C-alpha atoms as a PDB file:
ATOM      1  CA  MET A   1     202.226 227.402 -82.558  1.00  0.00           C
ATOM      2  CA  GLY A   2     204.260 227.342 -79.368  1.00  0.00           C
ATOM      3  CA  LYS A   3     203.492 225.291 -76.303  1.00  0.00           C
ATOM      4  CA  ASN A   4     202.136 228.354 -74.437  1.00  0.00           C
ATOM      5  CA  ASN A   5     199.871 229.298 -77.340  1.00  0.00           C
ATOM      6  CA  LEU A   6     198.537 225.751 -77.533  1.00  0.00           C
ATOM      7  CA  GLU A   7     197.765 225.727 -73.778  1.00  0.00           C
ATOM      8  CA  GLU A   8     196.047 229.113 -74.061  1.00  0.00           C
ATOM      9  CA  TYR A   9     193.997 227.832 -76.974  1.00  0.00           C
ATOM     10  CA  ARG A  10     192.983 224.700 -75.030  1.00  0.00           C
ATOM     11  CA  ASN A  11     192.053 226.767 -71.992  1.00  0.00           C
ATOM     12  CA  SER A  12     190.048 229.132 -74.185  1.00  0.00           C
ATOM     13  CA  ILE A  13     188.192 226.220 -75.773  1.00  0.00           C
ATOM     14  CA  THR A  14     187.522 224.719 -72.329  1.00  0.00           C
ATOM     15  CA  VAL A  15     186.103 228.032 -71.067  1.00  0.00           C
ATOM     16  CA  HIS A  16     183.862 228.322 -74.125  1.00  0.00           C
ATOM     17  CA  LEU A  17     182.614 224.746 -73.698  1.00  0.00           C
ATOM     18  CA  VAL A  18     181.803 225.389 -70.042  1.00  0.00           C
ATOM     19  CA  ARG A  19     179.833 228.511 -71.019  1.00  0.00           C
ATOM     20  CA  ILE A  20     177.989 226.602 -73.737  1.00  0.00           C
ATOM     21  CA  CYS A  21     177.119 223.779 -71.324  1.00  0.00           C
ATOM     22  CA  SER A  22     175.827 226.314 -68.821  1.00  0.00           C
ATOM     23  CA  ASP A  23     173.723 228.027 -71.489  1.00  0.00           C
ATOM     24  CA  VAL A  24     172.335 224.689 -72.682  1.00  0.00           C
ATOM     25  CA  GLU A  25     171.303 223.764 -69.122  1.00  0.00           C
ATOM     26  CA  HIS A  26     169.614 227.153 -68.698  1.00  0.00           C
ATOM     27  CA  ILE A  27     167.764 226.755 -72.006  1.00  0.00           C
ATOM     28  CA  LYS A  28     166.748 223.216 -71.065  1.00  0.00           C
ATOM     29  CA  ASP A  29     165.295 224.430 -67.749  1.00  0.00           C
ATOM     30  CA  LYS A  30     163.352 227.201 -69.488  1.00  0.00           C
ATOM     31  CA  VAL A  31     161.961 224.806 -72.112  1.00  0.00           C
ATOM     32  CA  ASN A  32     160.855 222.368 -69.395  1.00  0.00           C
ATOM     33  CA  LYS A  33     159.113 225.191 -67.501  1.00  0.00           C
ATOM     34  CA  ASN A  34     157.388 226.306 -70.718  1.00  0.00           C
ATOM     35  CA  ASN A  35     156.220 222.734 -71.372  1.00  0.00           C
ATOM     36  CA  GLU A  36     154.751 222.491 -67.862  1.00  0.00           C
ATOM     37  CA  HIS A  37     152.996 225.829 -68.345  1.00  0.00           C
ATOM     38  CA  LEU A  38     151.572 224.733 -71.717  1.00  0.00           C
ATOM     39  CA  GLU A  39     150.262 221.508 -70.169  1.00  0.00           C
ATOM     40  CA  ARG A  40     148.393 223.533 -67.531  1.00  0.00           C
ATOM     41  CA  ILE A  41     146.992 225.874 -70.199  1.00  0.00           C
ATOM     42  CA  ASN A  42     145.918 222.925 -72.353  1.00  0.00           C
ATOM     43  CA  GLY A  43     144.082 221.441 -69.361  1.00  0.00           C
ATOM     44  CA  ARG A  44     142.176 224.667 -68.790  1.00  0.00           C
ATOM     45  CA  LEU A  45     141.460 224.997 -72.508  1.00  0.00           C
ATOM     46  CA  ARG A  46     140.139 221.433 -72.648  1.00  0.00           C
ATOM     47  CA  THR A  47     137.805 222.202 -69.730  1.00  0.00           C
ATOM     48  CA  ALA A  48     136.575 225.377 -71.426  1.00  0.00           C
ATOM     49  CA  GLU A  49     135.963 223.523 -74.699  1.00  0.00           C
ATOM     50  CA  ASN A  50     133.960 220.856 -72.862  1.00  0.00           C
ATOM     51  CA  ASN A  51     131.894 223.574 -71.173  1.00  0.00           C
ATOM     52  CA  ILE A  52     131.207 225.257 -74.511  1.00  0.00           C
ATOM     53  CA  THR A  53     130.150 221.923 -76.009  1.00  0.00           C
ATOM     54  CA  GLY A  54     127.752 221.402 -73.111  1.00  0.00           C
ATOM     55  CA  ILE A  55     126.255 224.868 -73.506  1.00  0.00           C
ATOM     56  CA  LYS A  56     125.836 224.322 -77.258  1.00  0.00           C
ATOM     57  CA  SER A  57     124.108 220.993 -76.610  1.00  0.00           C
ATOM     58  CA  ILE A  58     121.682 222.612 -74.178  1.00  0.00           C
ATOM     59  CA  GLY A  59     121.013 225.424 -76.688  1.00  0.00           C
ATOM     60  CA  ILE A  60     120.326 222.993 -79.521  1.00  0.00           C
ATOM     61  CA  THR A  61     118.010 220.961 -77.302  1.00  0.00           C
ATOM     62  CA  LEU A  62     116.078 224.066 -76.217  1.00  0.00           C
ATOM     63  CA  TYR A  63     115.866 225.250 -79.819  1.00  0.00           C
ATOM     64  CA  ALA A  64     114.447 221.884 -80.876  1.00  0.00           C
ATOM     65  CA  ILE A  65     111.921 221.825 -78.016  1.00  0.00           C
ATOM     66  CA  ILE A  66     110.750 225.372 -78.752  1.00  0.00           C
ATOM     67  CA  GLY A  67     110.477 224.509 -82.448  1.00  0.00           C
ATOM     68  CA  VAL A  68     108.378 221.445 -81.699  1.00  0.00           C
ATOM     69  CA  VAL A  69     106.126 223.397 -79.308  1.00  0.00           C
ATOM     70  CA  LEU A  70     105.656 226.241 -81.791  1.00  0.00           C
ATOM     71  CA  GLY A  71     105.005 223.740 -84.560  1.00  0.00           C
ATOM     72  CA  TRP A  72     102.458 221.939 -82.417  1.00  0.00           C
ATOM     73  CA  LEU A  73     100.748 225.247 -81.561  1.00  0.00           C
ATOM     74  CA  GLY A  74     100.691 226.190 -85.244  1.00  0.00           C
ATOM     75  CA  ILE A  75      99.037 222.901 -86.231  1.00  0.00           C
ATOM     76  CA  LYS A  76      96.380 223.224 -83.520  1.00  0.00           C
ATOM     77  CA  GLN A  77      95.207 226.605 -84.686  1.00  0.00           C
END
């Protein structure tokens, strides 16, 4: 390999490394944005799950009260 070929090879490698570094930075930015988005979605999901749990608790309580009332009415008759 001549001196010119070696310099060309080094320059080529340098250009490729610069491109790779640029791509890695771009990927890193996208991953960070995706993580932020997922954190927001998880917060909303957690709120929705808590709301569903509350609604289920109210439903179970109403079901129990209605069952007790109907049972009490059945015993009285």
